[in-house]
PDB file of N, CA and C in Angstrom:
ATOM      1  N   MET A   1     127.272 127.589 105.536  1.00  0.00           N
ATOM      2  CA  MET A   1     127.807 126.345 105.079  1.00  0.00           C
ATOM      3  C   MET A   1     126.680 125.418 104.597  1.00  0.00           C
ATOM      4  N   GLU A   2     125.477 125.568 105.171  1.00  0.00           N
ATOM      5  CA  GLU A   2     124.355 124.763 104.702  1.00  0.00           C
ATOM      6  C   GLU A   2     124.050 125.071 103.236  1.00  0.00           C
ATOM      7  N   LEU A   3     124.179 126.336 102.854  1.00  0.00           N
ATOM      8  CA  LEU A   3     123.956 126.713 101.456  1.00  0.00           C
ATOM      9  C   LEU A   3     124.980 126.040 100.549  1.00  0.00           C
ATOM     10  N   ALA A   4     126.215 125.972 100.990  1.00  0.00           N
ATOM     11  CA  ALA A   4     127.250 125.310 100.188  1.00  0.00           C
ATOM     12  C   ALA A   4     126.883 123.844  99.973  1.00  0.00           C
ATOM     13  N   ARG A   5     126.413 123.160 101.021  1.00  0.00           N
ATOM     14  CA  ARG A   5     126.041 121.741 100.863  1.00  0.00           C
ATOM     15  C   ARG A   5     124.843 121.605  99.928  1.00  0.00           C
ATOM     16  N   LEU A   6     123.936 122.558 100.015  1.00  0.00           N
ATOM     17  CA  LEU A   6     122.778 122.558  99.122  1.00  0.00           C
ATOM     18  C   LEU A   6     123.207 122.730  97.663  1.00  0.00           C
ATOM     19  N   LEU A   7     124.169 123.607  97.419  1.00  0.00           N
ATOM     20  CA  LEU A   7     124.688 123.790  96.056  1.00  0.00           C
ATOM     21  C   LEU A   7     125.319 122.497  95.531  1.00  0.00           C
ATOM     22  N   PHE A   8     126.077 121.820  96.380  1.00  0.00           N
ATOM     23  CA  PHE A   8     126.697 120.557  95.969  1.00  0.00           C
ATOM     24  C   PHE A   8     125.625 119.507  95.665  1.00  0.00           C
ATOM     25  N   ALA A   9     124.582 119.461  96.479  1.00  0.00           N
ATOM     26  CA  ALA A   9     123.495 118.500  96.244  1.00  0.00           C
ATOM     27  C   ALA A   9     122.778 118.807  94.939  1.00  0.00           C
ATOM     28  N   ALA A  10     122.532 120.080  94.678  1.00  0.00           N
ATOM     29  CA  ALA A  10     121.852 120.465  93.445  1.00  0.00           C
ATOM     30  C   ALA A  10     122.704 120.156  92.215  1.00  0.00           C
ATOM     31  N   PHE A  11     123.998 120.167  92.374  1.00  0.00           N
ATOM     32  CA  PHE A  11     124.924 119.887  91.270  1.00  0.00           C
ATOM     33  C   PHE A  11     125.080 118.384  91.024  1.00  0.00           C
ATOM     34  N   ASP A  12     124.772 117.580  92.013  1.00  0.00           N
ATOM     35  CA  ASP A  12     124.946 116.125  91.946  1.00  0.00           C
ATOM     36  C   ASP A  12     123.794 115.495  91.158  1.00  0.00           C
ATOM     37  N   ALA A  13     124.104 114.884  90.029  1.00  0.00           N
ATOM     38  CA  ALA A  13     123.080 114.299  89.159  1.00  0.00           C
ATOM     39  C   ALA A  13     122.350 113.129  89.811  1.00  0.00           C
ATOM     40  N   SER A  14     122.923 112.512  90.833  1.00  0.00           N
ATOM     41  CA  SER A  14     122.258 111.382  91.483  1.00  0.00           C
ATOM     42  C   SER A  14     121.193 111.833  92.485  1.00  0.00           C
ATOM     43  N   VAL A  15     121.181 113.114  92.842  1.00  0.00           N
ATOM     44  CA  VAL A  15     120.208 113.628  93.801  1.00  0.00           C
ATOM     45  C   VAL A  15     118.901 113.930  93.073  1.00  0.00           C
ATOM     46  N   ARG A  16     117.838 113.281  93.531  1.00  0.00           N
ATOM     47  CA  ARG A  16     116.511 113.427  92.920  1.00  0.00           C
ATOM     48  C   ARG A  16     115.587 114.335  93.714  1.00  0.00           C
ATOM     49  N   GLY A  17     115.912 114.539  94.989  1.00  0.00           N
ATOM     50  CA  GLY A  17     115.086 115.385  95.844  1.00  0.00           C
ATOM     51  C   GLY A  17     115.861 115.824  97.070  1.00  0.00           C
ATOM     52  N   ILE A  18     115.470 116.977  97.605  1.00  0.00           N
ATOM     53  CA  ILE A  18     116.148 117.538  98.772  1.00  0.00           C
ATOM     54  C   ILE A  18     115.086 118.048  99.741  1.00  0.00           C
ATOM     55  N   VAL A  19     115.217 117.645 101.006  1.00  0.00           N
ATOM     56  CA  VAL A  19     114.326 118.151 102.044  1.00  0.00           C
ATOM     57  C   VAL A  19     115.197 118.753 103.140  1.00  0.00           C
ATOM     58  N   ALA A  20     114.959 120.027 103.460  1.00  0.00           N
ATOM     59  CA  ALA A  20     115.711 120.691 104.530  1.00  0.00           C
ATOM     60  C   ALA A  20     115.040 120.408 105.868  1.00  0.00           C
ATOM     61  N   GLN A  21     115.847 120.201 106.890  1.00  0.00           N
ATOM     62  CA  GLN A  21     115.381 119.912 108.249  1.00  0.00           C
ATOM     63  C   GLN A  21     114.214 118.927 108.211  1.00  0.00           C
ATOM     64  N   PRO A  22     114.491 117.706 107.751  1.00  0.00           N
ATOM     65  CA  PRO A  22     113.431 116.764 107.411  1.00  0.00           C
ATOM     66  C   PRO A  22     112.646 116.150 108.569  1.00  0.00           C
ATOM     67  N   PHE A  23     113.277 115.983 109.732  1.00  0.00           N
ATOM     68  CA  PHE A  23     112.579 115.326 110.836  1.00  0.00           C
ATOM     69  C   PHE A  23     113.319 115.573 112.139  1.00  0.00           C
ATOM     70  N   LEU A  24     112.626 115.298 113.230  1.00  0.00           N
ATOM     71  CA  LEU A  24     113.194 115.425 114.572  1.00  0.00           C
ATOM     72  C   LEU A  24     113.512 114.031 115.102  1.00  0.00           C
ATOM     73  N   LEU A  25     114.737 113.837 115.531  1.00  0.00           N
ATOM     74  CA  LEU A  25     115.140 112.594 116.189  1.00  0.00           C
ATOM     75  C   LEU A  25     115.181 112.847 117.694  1.00  0.00           C
ATOM     76  N   LYS A  26     114.700 111.879 118.470  1.00  0.00           N
ATOM     77  CA  LYS A  26     114.754 111.976 119.931  1.00  0.00           C
ATOM     78  C   LYS A  26     115.338 110.698 120.490  1.00  0.00           C
ATOM     79  N   LYS A  27     116.055 110.858 121.590  1.00  0.00           N
ATOM     80  CA  LYS A  27     116.550 109.696 122.323  1.00  0.00           C
ATOM     81  C   LYS A  27     116.429 110.004 123.805  1.00  0.00           C
ATOM     82  N   VAL A  28     116.250 108.961 124.599  1.00  0.00           N
ATOM     83  CA  VAL A  28     116.193 109.106 126.048  1.00  0.00           C
ATOM     84  C   VAL A  28     117.270 108.198 126.633  1.00  0.00           C
ATOM     85  N   VAL A  29     118.192 108.811 127.361  1.00  0.00           N
ATOM     86  CA  VAL A  29     119.261 108.070 128.015  1.00  0.00           C
ATOM     87  C   VAL A  29     119.325 108.545 129.458  1.00  0.00           C
ATOM     88  N   GLU A  30     119.168 107.598 130.381  1.00  0.00           N
ATOM     89  CA  GLU A  30     119.209 107.902 131.814  1.00  0.00           C
ATOM     90  C   GLU A  30     118.272 109.053 132.168  1.00  0.00           C
ATOM     91  N   GLY A  31     117.084 109.019 131.578  1.00  0.00           N
ATOM     92  CA  GLY A  31     116.069 110.020 131.883  1.00  0.00           C
ATOM     93  C   GLY A  31     116.243 111.354 131.188  1.00  0.00           C
ATOM     94  N   LYS A  32     117.303 111.516 130.420  1.00  0.00           N
ATOM     95  CA  LYS A  32     117.536 112.778 129.711  1.00  0.00           C
ATOM     96  C   LYS A  32     117.125 112.612 128.249  1.00  0.00           C
ATOM     97  N   VAL A  33     116.400 113.610 127.737  1.00  0.00           N
ATOM     98  CA  VAL A  33     115.945 113.574 126.350  1.00  0.00           C
ATOM     99  C   VAL A  33     116.929 114.341 125.476  1.00  0.00           C
ATOM    100  N   GLY A  34     117.418 113.672 124.450  1.00  0.00           N
ATOM    101  CA  GLY A  34     118.266 114.328 123.458  1.00  0.00           C
ATOM    102  C   GLY A  34     117.466 114.501 122.173  1.00  0.00           C
ATOM    103  N   LYS A  35     117.611 115.641 121.546  1.00  0.00           N
ATOM    104  CA  LYS A  35     116.888 115.921 120.302  1.00  0.00           C
ATOM    105  C   LYS A  35     117.863 116.413 119.244  1.00  0.00           C
ATOM    106  N   HIS A  36     117.538 116.098 117.993  1.00  0.00           N
ATOM    107  CA  HIS A  36     118.379 116.570 116.897  1.00  0.00           C
ATOM    108  C   HIS A  36     117.570 116.602 115.600  1.00  0.00           C
ATOM    109  N   ILE A  37     117.727 117.658 114.847  1.00  0.00           N
ATOM    110  CA  ILE A  37     117.118 117.780 113.520  1.00  0.00           C
ATOM    111  C   ILE A  37     118.256 117.842 112.509  1.00  0.00           C
ATOM    112  N   PRO A  38     118.395 116.816 111.657  1.00  0.00           N
ATOM    113  CA  PRO A  38     119.437 116.857 110.628  1.00  0.00           C
ATOM    114  C   PRO A  38     119.194 118.030 109.666  1.00  0.00           C
ATOM    115  N   ASP A  39     120.240 118.437 108.975  1.00  0.00           N
ATOM    116  CA  ASP A  39     120.127 119.568 108.057  1.00  0.00           C
ATOM    117  C   ASP A  39     119.413 119.210 106.754  1.00  0.00           C
ATOM    118  N   TYR A  40     119.739 118.051 106.185  1.00  0.00           N
ATOM    119  CA  TYR A  40     119.150 117.682 104.889  1.00  0.00           C
ATOM    120  C   TYR A  40     118.846 116.196 104.813  1.00  0.00           C
ATOM    121  N   PHE A  41     117.831 115.892 104.032  1.00  0.00           N
ATOM    122  CA  PHE A  41     117.510 114.530 103.618  1.00  0.00           C
ATOM    123  C   PHE A  41     117.576 114.547 102.102  1.00  0.00           C
ATOM    124  N   LEU A  42     118.541 113.815 101.546  1.00  0.00           N
ATOM    125  CA  LEU A  42     118.714 113.770 100.103  1.00  0.00           C
ATOM    126  C   LEU A  42     118.168 112.452  99.577  1.00  0.00           C
ATOM    127  N   VAL A  43     117.293 112.541  98.600  1.00  0.00           N
ATOM    128  CA  VAL A  43     116.798 111.354  97.915  1.00  0.00           C
ATOM    129  C   VAL A  43     117.717 111.167  96.720  1.00  0.00           C
ATOM    130  N   THR A  44     118.459 110.066  96.720  1.00  0.00           N
ATOM    131  CA  THR A  44     119.440 109.833  95.661  1.00  0.00           C
ATOM    132  C   THR A  44     119.142 108.523  94.940  1.00  0.00           C
ATOM    133  N   GLU A  45     119.819 108.330  93.826  1.00  0.00           N
ATOM    134  CA  GLU A  45     119.703 107.074  93.082  1.00  0.00           C
ATOM    135  C   GLU A  45     120.117 105.885  93.942  1.00  0.00           C
ATOM    136  N   ASP A  46     120.997 106.117  94.899  1.00  0.00           N
ATOM    137  CA  ASP A  46     121.508 105.044  95.768  1.00  0.00           C
ATOM    138  C   ASP A  46     120.719 104.906  97.060  1.00  0.00           C
ATOM    139  N   GLY A  47     119.642 105.660  97.201  1.00  0.00           N
ATOM    140  CA  GLY A  47     118.834 105.605  98.410  1.00  0.00           C
ATOM    141  C   GLY A  47     118.961 106.871  99.231  1.00  0.00           C
ATOM    142  N   PRO A  48     118.257 106.928 100.353  1.00  0.00           N
ATOM    143  CA  PRO A  48     118.260 108.128 101.198  1.00  0.00           C
ATOM    144  C   PRO A  48     119.625 108.411 101.811  1.00  0.00           C
ATOM    145  N   ASN A  49     119.917 109.696 101.939  1.00  0.00           N
ATOM    146  CA  ASN A  49     121.156 110.153 102.559  1.00  0.00           C
ATOM    147  C   ASN A  49     120.802 111.300 103.502  1.00  0.00           C
ATOM    148  N   VAL A  50     121.072 111.123 104.783  1.00  0.00           N
ATOM    149  CA  VAL A  50     120.810 112.146 105.793  1.00  0.00           C
ATOM    150  C   VAL A  50     122.112 112.899 106.027  1.00  0.00           C
ATOM    151  N   VAL A  51     122.031 114.238 105.997  1.00  0.00           N
ATOM    152  CA  VAL A  51     123.234 115.069 106.063  1.00  0.00           C
ATOM    153  C   VAL A  51     123.152 116.054 107.225  1.00  0.00           C
ATOM    154  N   ASP A  52     124.213 116.088 108.011  1.00  0.00           N
ATOM    155  CA  ASP A  52     124.413 117.129 109.014  1.00  0.00           C
ATOM    156  C   ASP A  52     125.586 117.981 108.566  1.00  0.00           C
ATOM    157  N   VAL A  53     125.458 119.282 108.727  1.00  0.00           N
ATOM    158  CA  VAL A  53     126.497 120.222 108.303  1.00  0.00           C
ATOM    159  C   VAL A  53     127.053 120.934 109.540  1.00  0.00           C
ATOM    160  N   LYS A  54     128.349 120.874 109.699  1.00  0.00           N
ATOM    161  CA  LYS A  54     129.030 121.569 110.802  1.00  0.00           C
ATOM    162  C   LYS A  54     130.406 121.989 110.338  1.00  0.00           C
ATOM    163  N   PRO A  55     130.893 123.132 110.813  1.00  0.00           N
ATOM    164  CA  PRO A  55     132.273 123.517 110.515  1.00  0.00           C
ATOM    165  C   PRO A  55     133.239 122.463 111.070  1.00  0.00           C
ATOM    166  N   ARG A  56     134.309 122.244 110.380  1.00  0.00           N
ATOM    167  CA  ARG A  56     135.292 121.219 110.759  1.00  0.00           C
ATOM    168  C   ARG A  56     135.772 121.395 112.197  1.00  0.00           C
ATOM    169  N   TRP A  57     135.969 122.642 112.619  1.00  0.00           N
ATOM    170  CA  TRP A  57     136.500 122.885 113.959  1.00  0.00           C
ATOM    171  C   TRP A  57     135.518 122.472 115.057  1.00  0.00           C
ATOM    172  N   ARG A  58     134.233 122.322 114.724  1.00  0.00           N
ATOM    173  CA  ARG A  58     133.233 121.922 115.727  1.00  0.00           C
ATOM    174  C   ARG A  58     133.063 120.412 115.841  1.00  0.00           C
ATOM    175  N   LEU A  59     133.627 119.653 114.909  1.00  0.00           N
ATOM    176  CA  LEU A  59     133.431 118.209 114.912  1.00  0.00           C
ATOM    177  C   LEU A  59     134.054 117.521 116.120  1.00  0.00           C
ATOM    178  N   ASP A  60     135.066 118.154 116.730  1.00  0.00           N
ATOM    179  CA  ASP A  60     135.712 117.584 117.916  1.00  0.00           C
ATOM    180  C   ASP A  60     134.981 117.917 119.212  1.00  0.00           C
ATOM    181  N   ASP A  61     133.972 118.776 119.147  1.00  0.00           N
ATOM    182  CA  ASP A  61     133.173 119.121 120.315  1.00  0.00           C
ATOM    183  C   ASP A  61     132.465 117.841 120.791  1.00  0.00           C
ATOM    184  N   PRO A  62     132.604 117.469 122.060  1.00  0.00           N
ATOM    185  CA  PRO A  62     131.996 116.221 122.543  1.00  0.00           C
ATOM    186  C   PRO A  62     130.481 116.146 122.323  1.00  0.00           C
ATOM    187  N   VAL A  63     129.785 117.270 122.450  1.00  0.00           N
ATOM    188  CA  VAL A  63     128.327 117.266 122.246  1.00  0.00           C
ATOM    189  C   VAL A  63     128.003 117.007 120.779  1.00  0.00           C
ATOM    190  N   VAL A  64     128.709 117.674 119.876  1.00  0.00           N
ATOM    191  CA  VAL A  64     128.493 117.462 118.440  1.00  0.00           C
ATOM    192  C   VAL A  64     128.852 116.031 118.070  1.00  0.00           C
ATOM    193  N   ASP A  65     129.991 115.552 118.559  1.00  0.00           N
ATOM    194  CA  ASP A  65     130.435 114.194 118.264  1.00  0.00           C
ATOM    195  C   ASP A  65     129.406 113.165 118.733  1.00  0.00           C
ATOM    196  N   SER A  66     128.904 113.325 119.939  1.00  0.00           N
ATOM    197  CA  SER A  66     127.919 112.409 120.492  1.00  0.00           C
ATOM    198  C   SER A  66     126.605 112.463 119.698  1.00  0.00           C
ATOM    199  N   THR A  67     126.159 113.660 119.387  1.00  0.00           N
ATOM    200  CA  THR A  67     124.916 113.825 118.629  1.00  0.00           C
ATOM    201  C   THR A  67     125.030 113.190 117.255  1.00  0.00           C
ATOM    202  N   PHE A  68     126.131 113.434 116.575  1.00  0.00           N
ATOM    203  CA  PHE A  68     126.317 112.861 115.243  1.00  0.00           C
ATOM    204  C   PHE A  68     126.447 111.342 115.312  1.00  0.00           C
ATOM    205  N   ALA A  69     127.046 110.821 116.378  1.00  0.00           N
ATOM    206  CA  ALA A  69     127.204 109.372 116.514  1.00  0.00           C
ATOM    207  C   ALA A  69     125.854 108.682 116.661  1.00  0.00           C
ATOM    208  N   TRP A  70     124.986 109.204 117.540  1.00  0.00           N
ATOM    209  CA  TRP A  70     123.688 108.537 117.695  1.00  0.00           C
ATOM    210  C   TRP A  70     122.779 108.798 116.508  1.00  0.00           C
ATOM    211  N   THR A  71     122.959 109.935 115.841  1.00  0.00           N
ATOM    212  CA  THR A  71     122.196 110.181 114.609  1.00  0.00           C
ATOM    213  C   THR A  71     122.612 109.183 113.537  1.00  0.00           C
ATOM    214  N   ARG A  72     123.919 108.985 113.394  1.00  0.00           N
ATOM    215  CA  ARG A  72     124.434 108.006 112.417  1.00  0.00           C
ATOM    216  C   ARG A  72     123.848 106.617 112.691  1.00  0.00           C
ATOM    217  N   ARG A  73     123.858 106.198 113.957  1.00  0.00           N
ATOM    218  CA  ARG A  73     123.325 104.873 114.294  1.00  0.00           C
ATOM    219  C   ARG A  73     121.843 104.773 113.917  1.00  0.00           C
ATOM    220  N   ALA A  74     121.058 105.780 114.281  1.00  0.00           N
ATOM    221  CA  ALA A  74     119.616 105.757 113.994  1.00  0.00           C
ATOM    222  C   ALA A  74     119.350 105.704 112.492  1.00  0.00           C
ATOM    223  N   VAL A  75     120.107 106.473 111.738  1.00  0.00           N
ATOM    224  CA  VAL A  75     119.929 106.532 110.286  1.00  0.00           C
ATOM    225  C   VAL A  75     120.369 105.227 109.630  1.00  0.00           C
ATOM    226  N   GLU A  76     121.534 104.737 110.001  1.00  0.00           N
ATOM    227  CA  GLU A  76     122.056 103.521 109.374  1.00  0.00           C
ATOM    228  C   GLU A  76     121.253 102.281 109.759  1.00  0.00           C
ATOM    229  N   GLU A  77     120.604 102.294 110.930  1.00  0.00           N
ATOM    230  CA  GLU A  77     119.724 101.187 111.312  1.00  0.00           C
ATOM    231  C   GLU A  77     118.543 101.051 110.352  1.00  0.00           C
ATOM    232  N   ARG A  78     118.203 102.130 109.686  1.00  0.00           N
ATOM    233  CA  ARG A  78     117.106 102.113 108.714  1.00  0.00           C
ATOM    234  C   ARG A  78     117.595 101.791 107.303  1.00  0.00           C
ATOM    235  N   GLY A  79     118.889 101.549 107.179  1.00  0.00           N
ATOM    236  CA  GLY A  79     119.448 101.225 105.871  1.00  0.00           C
ATOM    237  C   GLY A  79     119.764 102.450 105.035  1.00  0.00           C
ATOM    238  N   TRP A  80     119.729 103.630 105.659  1.00  0.00           N
ATOM    239  CA  TRP A  80     120.050 104.872 104.960  1.00  0.00           C
ATOM    240  C   TRP A  80     121.519 105.200 105.182  1.00  0.00           C
ATOM    241  N   ARG A  81     122.007 106.139 104.371  1.00  0.00           N
ATOM    242  CA  ARG A  81     123.376 106.618 104.565  1.00  0.00           C
ATOM    243  C   ARG A  81     123.346 107.878 105.430  1.00  0.00           C
ATOM    244  N   TYR A  82     124.459 108.125 106.093  1.00  0.00           N
ATOM    245  CA  TYR A  82     124.604 109.321 106.921  1.00  0.00           C
ATOM    246  C   TYR A  82     125.899 110.024 106.538  1.00  0.00           C
ATOM    247  N   GLU A  83     125.835 111.335 106.521  1.00  0.00           N
ATOM    248  CA  GLU A  83     126.999 112.135 106.131  1.00  0.00           C
ATOM    249  C   GLU A  83     127.123 113.343 107.057  1.00  0.00           C
ATOM    250  N   ALA A  84     128.297 113.500 107.663  1.00  0.00           N
ATOM    251  CA  ALA A  84     128.633 114.731 108.385  1.00  0.00           C
ATOM    252  C   ALA A  84     129.499 115.538 107.420  1.00  0.00           C
ATOM    253  N   TRP A  85     129.008 116.688 107.001  1.00  0.00           N
ATOM    254  CA  TRP A  85     129.648 117.463 105.932  1.00  0.00           C
ATOM    255  C   TRP A  85     130.238 118.742 106.502  1.00  0.00           C
ATOM    256  N   SER A  86     131.453 119.059 106.080  1.00  0.00           N
ATOM    257  CA  SER A  86     132.128 120.288 106.496  1.00  0.00           C
ATOM    258  C   SER A  86     132.591 121.056 105.275  1.00  0.00           C
ATOM    259  N   GLU A  87     133.391 122.064 105.503  1.00  0.00           N
ATOM    260  CA  GLU A  87     133.837 122.936 104.420  1.00  0.00           C
ATOM    261  C   GLU A  87     134.480 122.159 103.277  1.00  0.00           C
ATOM    262  N   PRO A  88     134.037 122.438 102.055  1.00  0.00           N
ATOM    263  CA  PRO A  88     134.703 121.837 100.894  1.00  0.00           C
ATOM    264  C   PRO A  88     135.949 122.654 100.555  1.00  0.00           C
ATOM    265  N   PRO A  89     136.795 122.148  99.683  1.00  0.00           N
ATOM    266  CA  PRO A  89     137.925 122.965  99.231  1.00  0.00           C
ATOM    267  C   PRO A  89     137.395 124.256  98.598  1.00  0.00           C
ATOM    268  N   PRO A  90     137.979 125.402  98.928  1.00  0.00           N
ATOM    269  CA  PRO A  90     137.467 126.689  98.434  1.00  0.00           C
ATOM    270  C   PRO A  90     137.338 126.770  96.906  1.00  0.00           C
ATOM    271  N   ALA A  91     138.307 126.256  96.177  1.00  0.00           N
ATOM    272  CA  ALA A  91     138.241 126.332  94.706  1.00  0.00           C
ATOM    273  C   ALA A  91     137.068 125.508  94.171  1.00  0.00           C
ATOM    274  N   GLU A  92     136.823 124.355  94.777  1.00  0.00           N
ATOM    275  CA  GLU A  92     135.701 123.514  94.343  1.00  0.00           C
ATOM    276  C   GLU A  92     134.368 124.219  94.603  1.00  0.00           C
ATOM    277  N   LEU A  93     134.238 124.847  95.762  1.00  0.00           N
ATOM    278  CA  LEU A  93     133.017 125.580  96.084  1.00  0.00           C
ATOM    279  C   LEU A  93     132.792 126.734  95.110  1.00  0.00           C
ATOM    280  N   GLU A  94     133.837 127.477  94.803  1.00  0.00           N
ATOM    281  CA  GLU A  94     133.698 128.585  93.850  1.00  0.00           C
ATOM    282  C   GLU A  94     133.284 128.086  92.473  1.00  0.00           C
ATOM    283  N   ASN A  95     133.834 126.959  92.035  1.00  0.00           N
ATOM    284  CA  ASN A  95     133.436 126.391  90.745  1.00  0.00           C
ATOM    285  C   ASN A  95     131.973 125.964  90.750  1.00  0.00           C
ATOM    286  N   ILE A  96     131.532 125.331  91.829  1.00  0.00           N
ATOM    287  CA  ILE A  96     130.135 124.900  91.931  1.00  0.00           C
ATOM    288  C   ILE A  96     129.215 126.123  91.923  1.00  0.00           C
ATOM    289  N   ARG A  97     129.589 127.163  92.653  1.00  0.00           N
ATOM    290  CA  ARG A  97     128.779 128.396  92.667  1.00  0.00           C
ATOM    291  C   ARG A  97     128.683 129.001  91.266  1.00  0.00           C
ATOM    292  N   PHE A  98     129.795 129.048  90.573  1.00  0.00           N
ATOM    293  CA  PHE A  98     129.806 129.609  89.224  1.00  0.00           C
ATOM    294  C   PHE A  98     128.923 128.782  88.292  1.00  0.00           C
ATOM    295  N   LEU A  99     129.092 127.467  88.322  1.00  0.00           N
ATOM    296  CA  LEU A  99     128.343 126.587  87.423  1.00  0.00           C
ATOM    297  C   LEU A  99     126.853 126.535  87.750  1.00  0.00           C
ATOM    298  N   ALA A 100     126.485 126.828  88.994  1.00  0.00           N
ATOM    299  CA  ALA A 100     125.072 126.793  89.386  1.00  0.00           C
ATOM    300  C   ALA A 100     124.215 127.721  88.527  1.00  0.00           C
ATOM    301  N   GLY A 101     124.789 128.785  88.048  1.00  0.00           N
ATOM    302  CA  GLY A 101     124.035 129.728  87.218  1.00  0.00           C
ATOM    303  C   GLY A 101     123.711 129.211  85.836  1.00  0.00           C
ATOM    304  N   PHE A 102     124.313 128.108  85.445  1.00  0.00           N
ATOM    305  CA  PHE A 102     124.129 127.590  84.090  1.00  0.00           C
ATOM    306  C   PHE A 102     123.349 126.276  84.047  1.00  0.00           C
ATOM    307  N   ARG A 103     122.793 125.846  85.161  1.00  0.00           N
ATOM    308  CA  ARG A 103     122.146 124.532  85.172  1.00  0.00           C
ATOM    309  C   ARG A 103     120.678 124.565  84.780  1.00  0.00           C
ATOM    310  N   ARG A 104     120.112 125.740  84.581  1.00  0.00           N
ATOM    311  CA  ARG A 104     118.704 125.829  84.211  1.00  0.00           C
ATOM    312  C   ARG A 104     118.570 126.421  82.813  1.00  0.00           C
ATOM    313  N   GLU A 105     118.180 125.560  81.901  1.00  0.00           N
ATOM    314  CA  GLU A 105     118.088 125.981  80.500  1.00  0.00           C
ATOM    315  C   GLU A 105     117.124 127.145  80.319  1.00  0.00           C
ATOM    316  N   ARG A 106     116.057 127.189  81.104  1.00  0.00           N
ATOM    317  CA  ARG A 106     115.059 128.252  80.925  1.00  0.00           C
ATOM    318  C   ARG A 106     115.642 129.647  81.189  1.00  0.00           C
ATOM    319  N   LEU A 107     116.764 129.711  81.852  1.00  0.00           N
ATOM    320  CA  LEU A 107     117.396 131.002  82.129  1.00  0.00           C
ATOM    321  C   LEU A 107     118.338 131.445  81.002  1.00  0.00           C
ATOM    322  N   LEU A 108     118.550 130.563  80.044  1.00  0.00           N
ATOM    323  CA  LEU A 108     119.468 130.876  78.950  1.00  0.00           C
ATOM    324  C   LEU A 108     118.684 131.155  77.668  1.00  0.00           C
ATOM    325  N   ASP A 109     119.111 132.105  76.922  1.00  0.00           N
ATOM    326  CA  ASP A 109     118.477 132.461  75.647  1.00  0.00           C
ATOM    327  C   ASP A 109     118.904 131.446  74.590  1.00  0.00           C
ATOM    328  N   PRO A 110     117.956 130.667  74.047  1.00  0.00           N
ATOM    329  CA  PRO A 110     118.308 129.626  73.063  1.00  0.00           C
ATOM    330  C   PRO A 110     118.968 130.209  71.801  1.00  0.00           C
ATOM    331  N   GLU A 111     118.571 131.419  71.415  1.00  0.00           N
ATOM    332  CA  GLU A 111     119.175 132.031  70.235  1.00  0.00           C
ATOM    333  C   GLU A 111     120.656 132.324  70.459  1.00  0.00           C
ATOM    334  N   LEU A 112     120.986 132.783  71.658  1.00  0.00           N
ATOM    335  CA  LEU A 112     122.396 133.045  71.969  1.00  0.00           C
ATOM    336  C   LEU A 112     123.193 131.734  71.988  1.00  0.00           C
ATOM    337  N   LEU A 113     122.590 130.679  72.492  1.00  0.00           N
ATOM    338  CA  LEU A 113     123.281 129.389  72.506  1.00  0.00           C
ATOM    339  C   LEU A 113     123.554 128.915  71.084  1.00  0.00           C
ATOM    340  N   GLN A 114     122.584 129.071  70.192  1.00  0.00           N
ATOM    341  CA  GLN A 114     122.764 128.657  68.798  1.00  0.00           C
ATOM    342  C   GLN A 114     123.842 129.468  68.125  1.00  0.00           C
ATOM    343  N   MET A 115     123.894 130.771  68.406  1.00  0.00           N
ATOM    344  CA  MET A 115     124.919 131.635  67.818  1.00  0.00           C
ATOM    345  C   MET A 115     126.307 131.179  68.270  1.00  0.00           C
ATOM    346  N   ARG A 116     126.410 130.800  69.546  1.00  0.00           N
ATOM    347  CA  ARG A 116     127.683 130.376  70.113  1.00  0.00           C
ATOM    348  C   ARG A 116     128.145 129.054  69.487  1.00  0.00           C
ATOM    349  N   LEU A 117     127.196 128.172  69.213  1.00  0.00           N
ATOM    350  CA  LEU A 117     127.514 126.859  68.664  1.00  0.00           C
ATOM    351  C   LEU A 117     127.820 126.910  67.168  1.00  0.00           C
ATOM    352  N   ALA A 118     127.336 127.924  66.506  1.00  0.00           N
ATOM    353  CA  ALA A 118     127.500 128.005  65.039  1.00  0.00           C
ATOM    354  C   ALA A 118     128.912 128.387  64.643  1.00  0.00           C
TER     355      ALA A 118
END
């Protein structure tokens, strides 16, 4: 599922940079240390966006919910956006996967493109 989110980020024209597992967050509550590494840090036209990826069925897990809640607070306190991302609609994912092969001009033969346009 992390690959799917990466494909969506690469397809998004507002995304200027992508960093996987960008940093370690730690918190101490009642002597217990909690740690979390977000999945992605997206540099966008609208500012930083920190992304965690989890299957939808895991979002109700109390540990995941708690971790994402304190991660959201830490990220938003810095003025960044936070996103918990789950499965996209299957048809949308398939379209993004298909289109991903056409986003790099260097992989396409310019002569074939000209023939197609003529």
